[in-house]
Amino acid sequence: MSEKLLSVQDLHTSFFTDSGEVQAVNGVTFELDRGEILGIVGESGSGKSVTAYSIMQILADTGKIVGGSIKYKGEELTQYTEKQMRSFRGKCCSIIFQDPMTSLNPVFTIGNQLTEAIKLHTDRKGKEAKARAAELLELVGINDPHKRLKQYPYELSGGMRQRVMIAMALACEPDILIADEPTTALDVTIQAQILELIQKLQEQLGMAVILVTHDLGVIADMCDNIVVMYGGRICERGTAADIFYDPRHEYTKGLLRSIPTFDEAKKRLVPIAGTPINMLNLPKGCSFSARCDACMKICLTEQPEEVEISETHKASCWMNVKKMMEEEGGNACE
């Protein structure tokens, strides 16, 4: 069996605040193969972005990886020095941040910011770096690239700025591209163009992609595998077909019910009841129990183990245990 490009095992990341420890990521495990598109889905506060930032080790000053392992091609990233991580970022793994309006420095030209990344991680300097920058802008579909290099971010539309961010992330041809909510603040038409561009570049360059989003509908046709997160934990994982056609966690079902469809245009959308949990005071049992219509007694007191639904599909929900016990003729969970 070939070595995984990226392997995250039992990752724990916390933020230490005046109010106490916020366990933003609580035991996350997943693997990424070469050329794979992995979707990490969940609402705000689920821990998906912090998981991505933990891989890049670009957490806020109060944030710290307190446990677990992150391996890139078998090498332990959590043991890397800051110098080694600077080399890893951009060259091996790049990230597209979620807000193109604020990700670029307003006082420097596009060319200045793009060539800086090229000079930092490659041997290209001067005219070579500028030529590479123009080549990258052309690669991401920006017309008249030499003119754009002389412009400032405010002179470009939101969609074009996001394309610049993608070009910057691809400057060193990384093995892994992390796209953290890449369509935030963009209109629906531009969202589709950006996602199509990422998919096209992934096929063209052969890199692996981690797509972080709160919208299952956005990644329906893009991802090979999907990880659903809630309360800092993974509640379900599987192929796109597993998640969309056979969801086995009540939170995943809730996310799917909130997606509008063309064939049911007049049907009322069903929102997920309640509010996200307080990460300073995590429940003893299932994180989703307080918002779950199918909640049982055991859900309130015990954390569900991950149950294997199939070779590609796993979920952490007591409803699956109940179903298995009923099929075997035993006593179901109370």
C-alpha atoms as a PDB file:
ATOM      1  CA  MET A   1       0.000   0.000   0.000  1.00  0.00           C
ATOM      2  CA  SER A   2       1.397   3.387  -1.024  1.00  0.00           C
ATOM      3  CA  GLU A   3       2.139   5.990   1.612  1.00  0.00           C
ATOM      4  CA  LYS A   4      -0.562   8.588   2.181  1.00  0.00           C
ATOM      5  CA  LEU A   5       0.226  12.125   1.082  1.00  0.00           C
ATOM      6  CA  LEU A   6      -1.249  13.508   4.299  1.00  0.00           C
ATOM      7  CA  SER A   7      -2.285  11.639   7.426  1.00  0.00           C
ATOM      8  CA  VAL A   8      -4.002  13.365  10.358  1.00  0.00           C
ATOM      9  CA  GLN A   9      -4.427  11.160  13.423  1.00  0.00           C
ATOM     10  CA  ASP A  10      -6.354  12.052  16.617  1.00  0.00           C
ATOM     11  CA  LEU A  11      -5.661  15.778  16.207  1.00  0.00           C
ATOM     12  CA  HIS A  12      -6.473  18.015  19.186  1.00  0.00           C
ATOM     13  CA  THR A  13      -6.188  21.789  18.855  1.00  0.00           C
ATOM     14  CA  SER A  14      -7.200  24.208  21.611  1.00  0.00           C
ATOM     15  CA  PHE A  15      -7.371  27.957  22.152  1.00  0.00           C
ATOM     16  CA  PHE A  16      -6.470  29.157  25.623  1.00  0.00           C
ATOM     17  CA  THR A  17      -8.576  32.199  26.524  1.00  0.00           C
ATOM     18  CA  ASP A  18      -9.347  34.171  29.674  1.00  0.00           C
ATOM     19  CA  SER A  19     -12.627  32.236  29.899  1.00  0.00           C
ATOM     20  CA  GLY A  20     -10.915  28.854  29.647  1.00  0.00           C
ATOM     21  CA  GLU A  21      -9.773  26.268  27.096  1.00  0.00           C
ATOM     22  CA  VAL A  22     -11.716  26.104  23.843  1.00  0.00           C
ATOM     23  CA  GLN A  23     -11.301  22.597  22.372  1.00  0.00           C
ATOM     24  CA  ALA A  24     -11.782  23.660  18.746  1.00  0.00           C
ATOM     25  CA  VAL A  25     -10.575  20.347  17.270  1.00  0.00           C
ATOM     26  CA  ASN A  26     -11.180  17.274  19.378  1.00  0.00           C
ATOM     27  CA  GLY A  27      -9.759  14.012  18.012  1.00  0.00           C
ATOM     28  CA  VAL A  28      -9.940  14.489  14.225  1.00  0.00           C
ATOM     29  CA  THR A  29      -8.572  11.693  12.020  1.00  0.00           C
ATOM     30  CA  PHE A  30      -8.468  11.523   8.215  1.00  0.00           C
ATOM     31  CA  GLU A  31      -6.120  10.747   5.325  1.00  0.00           C
ATOM     32  CA  LEU A  32      -5.513  12.342   1.946  1.00  0.00           C
ATOM     33  CA  ASP A  33      -4.285  10.584  -1.184  1.00  0.00           C
ATOM     34  CA  ARG A  34      -2.446  12.150  -4.113  1.00  0.00           C
ATOM     35  CA  GLY A  35      -4.879  13.705  -6.565  1.00  0.00           C
ATOM     36  CA  GLU A  36      -7.847  13.403  -4.181  1.00  0.00           C
ATOM     37  CA  ILE A  37     -10.403  16.139  -3.499  1.00  0.00           C
ATOM     38  CA  LEU A  38     -11.526  15.955   0.126  1.00  0.00           C
ATOM     39  CA  GLY A  39     -14.407  18.073   1.391  1.00  0.00           C
ATOM     40  CA  ILE A  40     -14.581  19.124   5.058  1.00  0.00           C
ATOM     41  CA  VAL A  41     -18.102  20.340   5.814  1.00  0.00           C
ATOM     42  CA  GLY A  42     -19.727  21.896   8.864  1.00  0.00           C
ATOM     43  CA  GLU A  43     -21.336  25.066  10.155  1.00  0.00           C
ATOM     44  CA  SER A  44     -19.394  27.936  11.714  1.00  0.00           C
ATOM     45  CA  GLY A  45     -17.583  26.802  14.852  1.00  0.00           C
ATOM     46  CA  SER A  46     -17.443  23.131  13.857  1.00  0.00           C
ATOM     47  CA  GLY A  47     -13.622  23.145  13.736  1.00  0.00           C
ATOM     48  CA  LYS A  48     -13.149  22.707   9.995  1.00  0.00           C
ATOM     49  CA  SER A  49     -11.040  25.840   9.399  1.00  0.00           C
ATOM     50  CA  VAL A  50      -9.014  25.275  12.572  1.00  0.00           C
ATOM     51  CA  THR A  51      -8.209  21.773  11.276  1.00  0.00           C
ATOM     52  CA  ALA A  52      -6.866  23.347   8.064  1.00  0.00           C
ATOM     53  CA  TYR A  53      -4.895  25.985   9.983  1.00  0.00           C
ATOM     54  CA  SER A  54      -3.453  23.273  12.235  1.00  0.00           C
ATOM     55  CA  ILE A  55      -2.045  21.482   9.178  1.00  0.00           C
ATOM     56  CA  MET A  56      -0.402  24.737   8.050  1.00  0.00           C
ATOM     57  CA  GLN A  57       0.432  25.692  11.673  1.00  0.00           C
ATOM     58  CA  ILE A  58      -0.872  29.229  11.215  1.00  0.00           C
ATOM     59  CA  LEU A  59      -2.974  29.351  14.371  1.00  0.00           C
ATOM     60  CA  ALA A  60      -3.548  32.515  16.410  1.00  0.00           C
ATOM     61  CA  ASP A  61      -1.206  33.171  19.333  1.00  0.00           C
ATOM     62  CA  THR A  62      -3.692  31.624  21.753  1.00  0.00           C
ATOM     63  CA  GLY A  63      -4.030  28.465  19.655  1.00  0.00           C
ATOM     64  CA  LYS A  64      -1.946  25.333  20.109  1.00  0.00           C
ATOM     65  CA  ILE A  65      -1.879  21.741  18.860  1.00  0.00           C
ATOM     66  CA  VAL A  66      -2.130  19.835  22.145  1.00  0.00           C
ATOM     67  CA  GLY A  67      -2.209  16.286  20.828  1.00  0.00           C
ATOM     68  CA  GLY A  68      -2.230  14.006  17.820  1.00  0.00           C
ATOM     69  CA  SER A  69      -0.190  13.629  14.669  1.00  0.00           C
ATOM     70  CA  ILE A  70       0.001  15.346  11.262  1.00  0.00           C
ATOM     71  CA  LYS A  71       2.199  13.507   8.777  1.00  0.00           C
ATOM     72  CA  TYR A  72       3.150  14.721   5.300  1.00  0.00           C
ATOM     73  CA  LYS A  73       4.681  11.930   3.204  1.00  0.00           C
ATOM     74  CA  GLY A  74       5.456  10.129   6.463  1.00  0.00           C
ATOM     75  CA  GLU A  75       7.187  13.102   8.126  1.00  0.00           C
ATOM     76  CA  GLU A  76       5.745  14.455  11.375  1.00  0.00           C
ATOM     77  CA  LEU A  77       4.814  18.122  10.865  1.00  0.00           C
ATOM     78  CA  THR A  78       4.169  18.773  14.552  1.00  0.00           C
ATOM     79  CA  GLN A  79       7.896  18.224  15.149  1.00  0.00           C
ATOM     80  CA  TYR A  80       8.956  20.699  12.445  1.00  0.00           C
ATOM     81  CA  THR A  81      10.777  23.891  13.411  1.00  0.00           C
ATOM     82  CA  GLU A  82       9.352  27.234  12.249  1.00  0.00           C
ATOM     83  CA  LYS A  83      12.011  27.352   9.517  1.00  0.00           C
ATOM     84  CA  GLN A  84      10.951  23.934   8.236  1.00  0.00           C
ATOM     85  CA  MET A  85       7.292  24.988   8.318  1.00  0.00           C
ATOM     86  CA  ARG A  86       8.052  28.110   6.271  1.00  0.00           C
ATOM     87  CA  SER A  87       9.522  25.855   3.633  1.00  0.00           C
ATOM     88  CA  PHE A  88       6.508  23.510   3.846  1.00  0.00           C
ATOM     89  CA  ARG A  89       4.004  26.337   3.432  1.00  0.00           C
ATOM     90  CA  GLY A  90       3.629  27.324  -0.189  1.00  0.00           C
ATOM     91  CA  LYS A  91       6.104  24.769  -1.496  1.00  0.00           C
ATOM     92  CA  CYS A  92       4.361  21.602  -0.285  1.00  0.00           C
ATOM     93  CA  CYS A  93       0.995  22.899   0.909  1.00  0.00           C
ATOM     94  CA  SER A  94      -0.759  26.167   0.084  1.00  0.00           C
ATOM     95  CA  ILE A  95      -3.969  27.740   1.313  1.00  0.00           C
ATOM     96  CA  ILE A  96      -6.598  29.990  -0.237  1.00  0.00           C
ATOM     97  CA  PHE A  97      -8.192  32.075   2.500  1.00  0.00           C
ATOM     98  CA  GLN A  98     -11.917  32.653   2.606  1.00  0.00           C
ATOM     99  CA  ASP A  99     -12.167  36.391   2.020  1.00  0.00           C
ATOM    100  CA  PRO A 100     -10.584  37.666  -1.213  1.00  0.00           C
ATOM    101  CA  MET A 101     -11.500  41.232  -0.224  1.00  0.00           C
ATOM    102  CA  THR A 102      -9.095  41.270   2.725  1.00  0.00           C
ATOM    103  CA  SER A 103      -6.517  38.594   1.838  1.00  0.00           C
ATOM    104  CA  LEU A 104      -4.513  40.885  -0.451  1.00  0.00           C
ATOM    105  CA  ASN A 105      -2.528  43.865   0.815  1.00  0.00           C
ATOM    106  CA  PRO A 106      -4.203  47.033  -0.543  1.00  0.00           C
ATOM    107  CA  VAL A 107      -0.975  49.099  -0.722  1.00  0.00           C
ATOM    108  CA  PHE A 108       0.987  46.716  -2.979  1.00  0.00           C
ATOM    109  CA  THR A 109       0.350  45.841  -6.609  1.00  0.00           C
ATOM    110  CA  ILE A 110      -0.810  42.378  -7.652  1.00  0.00           C
ATOM    111  CA  GLY A 111       2.563  41.821  -9.301  1.00  0.00           C
ATOM    112  CA  ASN A 112       4.472  42.778  -6.167  1.00  0.00           C
ATOM    113  CA  GLN A 113       2.514  40.333  -3.996  1.00  0.00           C
ATOM    114  CA  LEU A 114       2.597  37.497  -6.509  1.00  0.00           C
ATOM    115  CA  THR A 115       6.322  37.761  -7.312  1.00  0.00           C
ATOM    116  CA  GLU A 116       7.123  37.903  -3.573  1.00  0.00           C
ATOM    117  CA  ALA A 117       5.716  34.392  -3.148  1.00  0.00           C
ATOM    118  CA  ILE A 118       7.614  33.159  -6.203  1.00  0.00           C
ATOM    119  CA  LYS A 119      10.927  34.649  -5.051  1.00  0.00           C
ATOM    120  CA  LEU A 120      10.462  33.281  -1.537  1.00  0.00           C
ATOM    121  CA  HIS A 121       9.926  29.643  -2.514  1.00  0.00           C
ATOM    122  CA  THR A 122      11.664  29.248  -5.895  1.00  0.00           C
ATOM    123  CA  ASP A 123      14.947  30.170  -7.603  1.00  0.00           C
ATOM    124  CA  ARG A 124      13.217  32.608  -9.961  1.00  0.00           C
ATOM    125  CA  LYS A 125      14.197  36.258  -9.549  1.00  0.00           C
ATOM    126  CA  GLY A 126      13.623  39.525 -11.427  1.00  0.00           C
ATOM    127  CA  LYS A 127      12.206  39.059 -14.934  1.00  0.00           C
ATOM    128  CA  GLU A 128      11.818  35.310 -14.463  1.00  0.00           C
ATOM    129  CA  ALA A 129       9.639  35.827 -11.391  1.00  0.00           C
ATOM    130  CA  LYS A 130       7.547  38.430 -13.218  1.00  0.00           C
ATOM    131  CA  ALA A 131       7.119  36.121 -16.217  1.00  0.00           C
ATOM    132  CA  ARG A 132       6.041  33.303 -13.891  1.00  0.00           C
ATOM    133  CA  ALA A 133       3.537  35.633 -12.211  1.00  0.00           C
ATOM    134  CA  ALA A 134       1.977  36.523 -15.569  1.00  0.00           C
ATOM    135  CA  GLU A 135       1.900  32.838 -16.491  1.00  0.00           C
ATOM    136  CA  LEU A 136       0.041  32.026 -13.274  1.00  0.00           C
ATOM    137  CA  LEU A 137      -2.537  34.767 -13.835  1.00  0.00           C
ATOM    138  CA  GLU A 138      -3.146  33.388 -17.303  1.00  0.00           C
ATOM    139  CA  LEU A 139      -3.459  29.877 -15.838  1.00  0.00           C
ATOM    140  CA  VAL A 140      -6.275  30.977 -13.518  1.00  0.00           C
ATOM    141  CA  GLY A 141      -8.155  32.693 -16.322  1.00  0.00           C
ATOM    142  CA  ILE A 142      -7.275  36.373 -15.830  1.00  0.00           C
ATOM    143  CA  ASN A 143      -7.125  38.280 -19.112  1.00  0.00           C
ATOM    144  CA  ASP A 144      -4.304  40.707 -19.981  1.00  0.00           C
ATOM    145  CA  PRO A 145      -2.067  39.388 -17.161  1.00  0.00           C
ATOM    146  CA  HIS A 146       0.789  41.874 -17.702  1.00  0.00           C
ATOM    147  CA  LYS A 147      -1.630  44.769 -17.182  1.00  0.00           C
ATOM    148  CA  ARG A 148      -3.109  43.144 -14.057  1.00  0.00           C
ATOM    149  CA  LEU A 149       0.337  42.804 -12.481  1.00  0.00           C
ATOM    150  CA  LYS A 150       0.570  46.600 -12.336  1.00  0.00           C
ATOM    151  CA  GLN A 151      -2.861  47.041 -10.757  1.00  0.00           C
ATOM    152  CA  TYR A 152      -3.832  47.255  -7.088  1.00  0.00           C
ATOM    153  CA  PRO A 153      -6.389  44.923  -5.453  1.00  0.00           C
ATOM    154  CA  TYR A 154      -9.108  47.621  -5.343  1.00  0.00           C
ATOM    155  CA  GLU A 155      -9.000  47.779  -9.159  1.00  0.00           C
ATOM    156  CA  LEU A 156     -10.105  44.143  -9.468  1.00  0.00           C
ATOM    157  CA  SER A 157     -13.478  42.527  -8.863  1.00  0.00           C
ATOM    158  CA  GLY A 158     -14.003  40.016  -6.032  1.00  0.00           C
ATOM    159  CA  GLY A 159     -13.861  37.085  -8.433  1.00  0.00           C
ATOM    160  CA  MET A 160     -10.610  38.312  -9.987  1.00  0.00           C
ATOM    161  CA  ARG A 161      -9.068  38.855  -6.558  1.00  0.00           C
ATOM    162  CA  GLN A 162      -9.936  35.284  -5.623  1.00  0.00           C
ATOM    163  CA  ARG A 163      -8.291  34.101  -8.844  1.00  0.00           C
ATOM    164  CA  VAL A 164      -5.180  36.057  -7.843  1.00  0.00           C
ATOM    165  CA  MET A 165      -5.223  34.269  -4.479  1.00  0.00           C
ATOM    166  CA  ILE A 166      -5.449  30.919  -6.285  1.00  0.00           C
ATOM    167  CA  ALA A 167      -2.535  31.934  -8.539  1.00  0.00           C
ATOM    168  CA  MET A 168      -0.496  32.852  -5.461  1.00  0.00           C
ATOM    169  CA  ALA A 169      -1.295  29.498  -3.848  1.00  0.00           C
ATOM    170  CA  LEU A 170      -0.185  27.659  -6.996  1.00  0.00           C
ATOM    171  CA  ALA A 171       3.050  29.643  -7.401  1.00  0.00           C
ATOM    172  CA  CYS A 172       5.233  26.794  -6.161  1.00  0.00           C
ATOM    173  CA  GLU A 173       3.146  23.907  -7.556  1.00  0.00           C
ATOM    174  CA  PRO A 174       2.253  22.446  -4.128  1.00  0.00           C
ATOM    175  CA  ASP A 175       1.202  18.835  -3.570  1.00  0.00           C
ATOM    176  CA  ILE A 176      -1.756  19.991  -1.427  1.00  0.00           C
ATOM    177  CA  LEU A 177      -4.070  22.953  -1.921  1.00  0.00           C
ATOM    178  CA  ILE A 178      -6.343  23.918   0.987  1.00  0.00           C
ATOM    179  CA  ALA A 179      -9.308  26.041  -0.081  1.00  0.00           C
ATOM    180  CA  ASP A 180     -10.921  27.564   3.008  1.00  0.00           C
ATOM    181  CA  GLU A 181     -14.413  28.735   2.030  1.00  0.00           C
ATOM    182  CA  PRO A 182     -13.063  29.952  -1.352  1.00  0.00           C
ATOM    183  CA  THR A 183     -16.435  31.305  -2.505  1.00  0.00           C
ATOM    184  CA  THR A 184     -17.238  33.506   0.510  1.00  0.00           C
ATOM    185  CA  ALA A 185     -18.538  37.009  -0.409  1.00  0.00           C
ATOM    186  CA  LEU A 186     -18.854  36.064  -4.096  1.00  0.00           C
ATOM    187  CA  ASP A 187     -22.109  35.940  -6.031  1.00  0.00           C
ATOM    188  CA  VAL A 188     -23.512  32.594  -7.182  1.00  0.00           C
ATOM    189  CA  THR A 189     -22.230  32.846 -10.772  1.00  0.00           C
ATOM    190  CA  ILE A 190     -18.673  33.677  -9.674  1.00  0.00           C
ATOM    191  CA  GLN A 191     -18.827  30.929  -7.013  1.00  0.00           C
ATOM    192  CA  ALA A 192     -19.464  28.352  -9.725  1.00  0.00           C
ATOM    193  CA  GLN A 193     -16.590  29.716 -11.822  1.00  0.00           C
ATOM    194  CA  ILE A 194     -14.127  29.589  -8.902  1.00  0.00           C
ATOM    195  CA  LEU A 195     -15.083  26.005  -7.981  1.00  0.00           C
ATOM    196  CA  GLU A 196     -14.868  24.930 -11.617  1.00  0.00           C
ATOM    197  CA  LEU A 197     -11.439  26.573 -11.844  1.00  0.00           C
ATOM    198  CA  ILE A 198     -10.163  24.729  -8.737  1.00  0.00           C
ATOM    199  CA  GLN A 199     -11.416  21.422 -10.150  1.00  0.00           C
ATOM    200  CA  LYS A 200      -9.823  22.110 -13.530  1.00  0.00           C
ATOM    201  CA  LEU A 201      -6.475  23.057 -11.970  1.00  0.00           C
ATOM    202  CA  GLN A 202      -6.552  19.972  -9.750  1.00  0.00           C
ATOM    203  CA  GLU A 203      -6.957  17.743 -12.811  1.00  0.00           C
ATOM    204  CA  GLN A 204      -4.343  19.688 -14.753  1.00  0.00           C
ATOM    205  CA  LEU A 205      -1.679  19.811 -12.025  1.00  0.00           C
ATOM    206  CA  GLY A 206      -2.500  16.549 -10.224  1.00  0.00           C
ATOM    207  CA  MET A 207      -2.473  18.073  -6.748  1.00  0.00           C
ATOM    208  CA  ALA A 208      -4.641  17.013  -3.827  1.00  0.00           C
ATOM    209  CA  VAL A 209      -7.286  19.478  -2.624  1.00  0.00           C
ATOM    210  CA  ILE A 210      -8.892  19.972   0.794  1.00  0.00           C
ATOM    211  CA  LEU A 211     -12.060  22.007   0.284  1.00  0.00           C
ATOM    212  CA  VAL A 212     -13.394  23.541   3.506  1.00  0.00           C
ATOM    213  CA  THR A 213     -17.006  24.728   3.320  1.00  0.00           C
ATOM    214  CA  HIS A 214     -20.272  25.046   5.254  1.00  0.00           C
ATOM    215  CA  ASP A 215     -22.367  24.219   2.180  1.00  0.00           C
ATOM    216  CA  LEU A 216     -22.809  20.592   1.138  1.00  0.00           C
ATOM    217  CA  GLY A 217     -24.470  21.739  -2.082  1.00  0.00           C
ATOM    218  CA  VAL A 218     -21.303  23.548  -3.173  1.00  0.00           C
ATOM    219  CA  ILE A 219     -19.197  20.379  -3.216  1.00  0.00           C
ATOM    220  CA  ALA A 220     -21.738  17.831  -4.445  1.00  0.00           C
ATOM    221  CA  ASP A 221     -20.041  17.295  -7.815  1.00  0.00           C
ATOM    222  CA  MET A 222     -16.450  18.033  -6.789  1.00  0.00           C
ATOM    223  CA  CYS A 223     -15.314  15.836  -3.924  1.00  0.00           C
ATOM    224  CA  ASP A 224     -14.156  12.230  -3.946  1.00  0.00           C
ATOM    225  CA  ASN A 225     -14.645  11.973  -0.181  1.00  0.00           C
ATOM    226  CA  ILE A 226     -16.431  14.122   2.393  1.00  0.00           C
ATOM    227  CA  VAL A 227     -15.839  14.620   6.113  1.00  0.00           C
ATOM    228  CA  VAL A 228     -18.695  16.149   8.131  1.00  0.00           C
ATOM    229  CA  MET A 229     -17.673  17.949  11.333  1.00  0.00           C
ATOM    230  CA  TYR A 230     -19.641  19.204  14.322  1.00  0.00           C
ATOM    231  CA  GLY A 231     -18.414  20.482  17.673  1.00  0.00           C
ATOM    232  CA  GLY A 232     -14.758  19.889  16.835  1.00  0.00           C
ATOM    233  CA  ARG A 233     -15.337  16.212  15.985  1.00  0.00           C
ATOM    234  CA  ILE A 234     -15.953  14.200  12.838  1.00  0.00           C
ATOM    235  CA  CYS A 235     -19.509  12.892  12.955  1.00  0.00           C
ATOM    236  CA  GLU A 236     -19.572  11.220   9.527  1.00  0.00           C
ATOM    237  CA  ARG A 237     -17.224  10.421   6.663  1.00  0.00           C
ATOM    238  CA  GLY A 238     -17.566   8.688   3.313  1.00  0.00           C
ATOM    239  CA  THR A 239     -17.630   9.079  -0.442  1.00  0.00           C
ATOM    240  CA  ALA A 240     -19.821  11.799  -1.932  1.00  0.00           C
ATOM    241  CA  ALA A 241     -22.371   9.105  -2.871  1.00  0.00           C
ATOM    242  CA  ASP A 242     -22.389   7.763   0.714  1.00  0.00           C
ATOM    243  CA  ILE A 243     -23.014  11.184   2.232  1.00  0.00           C
ATOM    244  CA  PHE A 244     -25.648  12.362  -0.232  1.00  0.00           C
ATOM    245  CA  TYR A 245     -27.600   9.148  -0.790  1.00  0.00           C
ATOM    246  CA  ASP A 246     -27.186   7.300   2.513  1.00  0.00           C
ATOM    247  CA  PRO A 247     -26.498   9.806   5.336  1.00  0.00           C
ATOM    248  CA  ARG A 248     -26.159   8.075   8.731  1.00  0.00           C
ATOM    249  CA  HIS A 249     -25.765  10.966  11.174  1.00  0.00           C
ATOM    250  CA  GLU A 250     -28.654  13.215  12.176  1.00  0.00           C
ATOM    251  CA  TYR A 251     -26.508  16.327  11.649  1.00  0.00           C
ATOM    252  CA  THR A 252     -25.666  15.306   8.079  1.00  0.00           C
ATOM    253  CA  LYS A 253     -29.354  14.673   7.429  1.00  0.00           C
ATOM    254  CA  GLY A 254     -30.112  18.147   8.792  1.00  0.00           C
ATOM    255  CA  LEU A 255     -27.558  19.750   6.465  1.00  0.00           C
ATOM    256  CA  LEU A 256     -29.045  17.928   3.479  1.00  0.00           C
ATOM    257  CA  ARG A 257     -32.592  18.972   4.397  1.00  0.00           C
ATOM    258  CA  SER A 258     -31.504  22.613   4.334  1.00  0.00           C
ATOM    259  CA  ILE A 259     -30.309  22.465   0.706  1.00  0.00           C
ATOM    260  CA  PRO A 260     -32.870  23.820  -1.814  1.00  0.00           C
ATOM    261  CA  THR A 261     -33.552  21.602  -4.845  1.00  0.00           C
ATOM    262  CA  PHE A 262     -35.119  22.345  -8.234  1.00  0.00           C
ATOM    263  CA  ASP A 263     -37.584  19.459  -8.126  1.00  0.00           C
ATOM    264  CA  GLU A 264     -38.915  20.547  -4.729  1.00  0.00           C
ATOM    265  CA  ALA A 265     -38.923  24.307  -5.291  1.00  0.00           C
ATOM    266  CA  LYS A 266     -42.170  24.842  -3.361  1.00  0.00           C
ATOM    267  CA  LYS A 267     -41.195  22.625  -0.444  1.00  0.00           C
ATOM    268  CA  ARG A 268     -40.328  24.425   2.796  1.00  0.00           C
ATOM    269  CA  LEU A 269     -36.701  24.049   3.891  1.00  0.00           C
ATOM    270  CA  VAL A 270     -36.191  22.487   7.311  1.00  0.00           C
ATOM    271  CA  PRO A 271     -33.542  24.311   9.379  1.00  0.00           C
ATOM    272  CA  ILE A 272     -31.527  22.571  12.086  1.00  0.00           C
ATOM    273  CA  ALA A 273     -33.142  23.492  15.401  1.00  0.00           C
ATOM    274  CA  GLY A 274     -31.296  25.156  18.259  1.00  0.00           C
ATOM    275  CA  THR A 275     -27.918  26.867  18.316  1.00  0.00           C
ATOM    276  CA  PRO A 276     -24.317  25.591  18.074  1.00  0.00           C
ATOM    277  CA  ILE A 277     -22.836  24.211  21.278  1.00  0.00           C
ATOM    278  CA  ASN A 278     -20.659  26.201  23.661  1.00  0.00           C
ATOM    279  CA  MET A 279     -17.120  25.004  22.915  1.00  0.00           C
ATOM    280  CA  LEU A 280     -16.046  26.067  26.423  1.00  0.00           C
ATOM    281  CA  ASN A 281     -18.483  23.578  27.905  1.00  0.00           C
ATOM    282  CA  LEU A 282     -18.693  20.485  25.705  1.00  0.00           C
ATOM    283  CA  PRO A 283     -21.399  17.924  26.581  1.00  0.00           C
ATOM    284  CA  LYS A 284     -20.450  14.506  27.975  1.00  0.00           C
ATOM    285  CA  GLY A 285     -22.258  12.660  25.216  1.00  0.00           C
ATOM    286  CA  CYS A 286     -22.850  13.393  21.548  1.00  0.00           C
ATOM    287  CA  SER A 287     -22.125  17.031  20.676  1.00  0.00           C
ATOM    288  CA  PHE A 288     -25.268  17.215  18.549  1.00  0.00           C
ATOM    289  CA  SER A 289     -27.618  15.711  21.139  1.00  0.00           C
ATOM    290  CA  ALA A 290     -29.178  19.018  22.256  1.00  0.00           C
ATOM    291  CA  ARG A 291     -30.313  19.765  18.683  1.00  0.00           C
ATOM    292  CA  CYS A 292     -31.221  16.240  17.594  1.00  0.00           C
ATOM    293  CA  ASP A 293     -34.864  15.164  17.144  1.00  0.00           C
ATOM    294  CA  ALA A 294     -33.844  11.505  17.512  1.00  0.00           C
ATOM    295  CA  CYS A 295     -31.884  12.017  20.754  1.00  0.00           C
ATOM    296  CA  MET A 296     -31.927   9.092  23.222  1.00  0.00           C
ATOM    297  CA  LYS A 297     -30.789   8.877  26.874  1.00  0.00           C
ATOM    298  CA  ILE A 298     -27.434   7.376  25.934  1.00  0.00           C
ATOM    299  CA  CYS A 299     -26.753  10.301  23.560  1.00  0.00           C
ATOM    300  CA  LEU A 300     -26.653  12.683  26.540  1.00  0.00           C
ATOM    301  CA  THR A 301     -24.097  10.755  28.566  1.00  0.00           C
ATOM    302  CA  GLU A 302     -21.844   8.775  26.202  1.00  0.00           C
ATOM    303  CA  GLN A 303     -19.854   9.787  23.139  1.00  0.00           C
ATOM    304  CA  PRO A 304     -20.789   7.457  20.242  1.00  0.00           C
ATOM    305  CA  GLU A 305     -18.040   5.334  18.703  1.00  0.00           C
ATOM    306  CA  GLU A 306     -17.468   5.477  14.955  1.00  0.00           C
ATOM    307  CA  VAL A 307     -19.481   2.692  13.309  1.00  0.00           C
ATOM    308  CA  GLU A 308     -18.465   1.226   9.947  1.00  0.00           C
ATOM    309  CA  ILE A 309     -21.452   1.344   7.597  1.00  0.00           C
ATOM    310  CA  SER A 310     -19.415   0.090   4.629  1.00  0.00           C
ATOM    311  CA  GLU A 311     -15.768  -0.015   3.551  1.00  0.00           C
ATOM    312  CA  THR A 312     -15.939   3.659   2.585  1.00  0.00           C
ATOM    313  CA  HIS A 313     -18.567   4.949   5.004  1.00  0.00           C
ATOM    314  CA  LYS A 314     -18.375   5.589   8.768  1.00  0.00           C
ATOM    315  CA  ALA A 315     -20.563   7.538  11.203  1.00  0.00           C
ATOM    316  CA  SER A 316     -20.537   8.356  14.921  1.00  0.00           C
ATOM    317  CA  CYS A 317     -24.201   8.164  15.873  1.00  0.00           C
ATOM    318  CA  TRP A 318     -26.052   5.988  18.404  1.00  0.00           C
ATOM    319  CA  MET A 319     -28.878   5.575  15.886  1.00  0.00           C
ATOM    320  CA  ASN A 320     -26.613   3.280  13.855  1.00  0.00           C
ATOM    321  CA  VAL A 321     -25.871   1.172  16.926  1.00  0.00           C
ATOM    322  CA  LYS A 322     -29.605   1.006  17.649  1.00  0.00           C
ATOM    323  CA  LYS A 323     -30.332  -0.085  14.089  1.00  0.00           C
ATOM    324  CA  MET A 324     -27.657  -2.808  14.215  1.00  0.00           C
ATOM    325  CA  MET A 325     -28.994  -4.130  17.516  1.00  0.00           C
ATOM    326  CA  GLU A 326     -32.559  -4.196  16.189  1.00  0.00           C
ATOM    327  CA  GLU A 327     -31.427  -6.093  13.087  1.00  0.00           C
ATOM    328  CA  GLU A 328     -29.647  -8.619  15.299  1.00  0.00           C
ATOM    329  CA  GLY A 329     -32.743  -8.973  17.497  1.00  0.00           C
ATOM    330  CA  GLY A 330     -31.120  -7.474  20.610  1.00  0.00           C
ATOM    331  CA  ASN A 331     -32.230  -4.657  22.881  1.00  0.00           C
ATOM    332  CA  ALA A 332     -31.947  -1.255  21.323  1.00  0.00           C
ATOM    333  CA  CYS A 333     -30.428   1.752  23.054  1.00  0.00           C
ATOM    334  CA  GLU A 334     -32.827   3.525  25.350  1.00  0.00           C
END
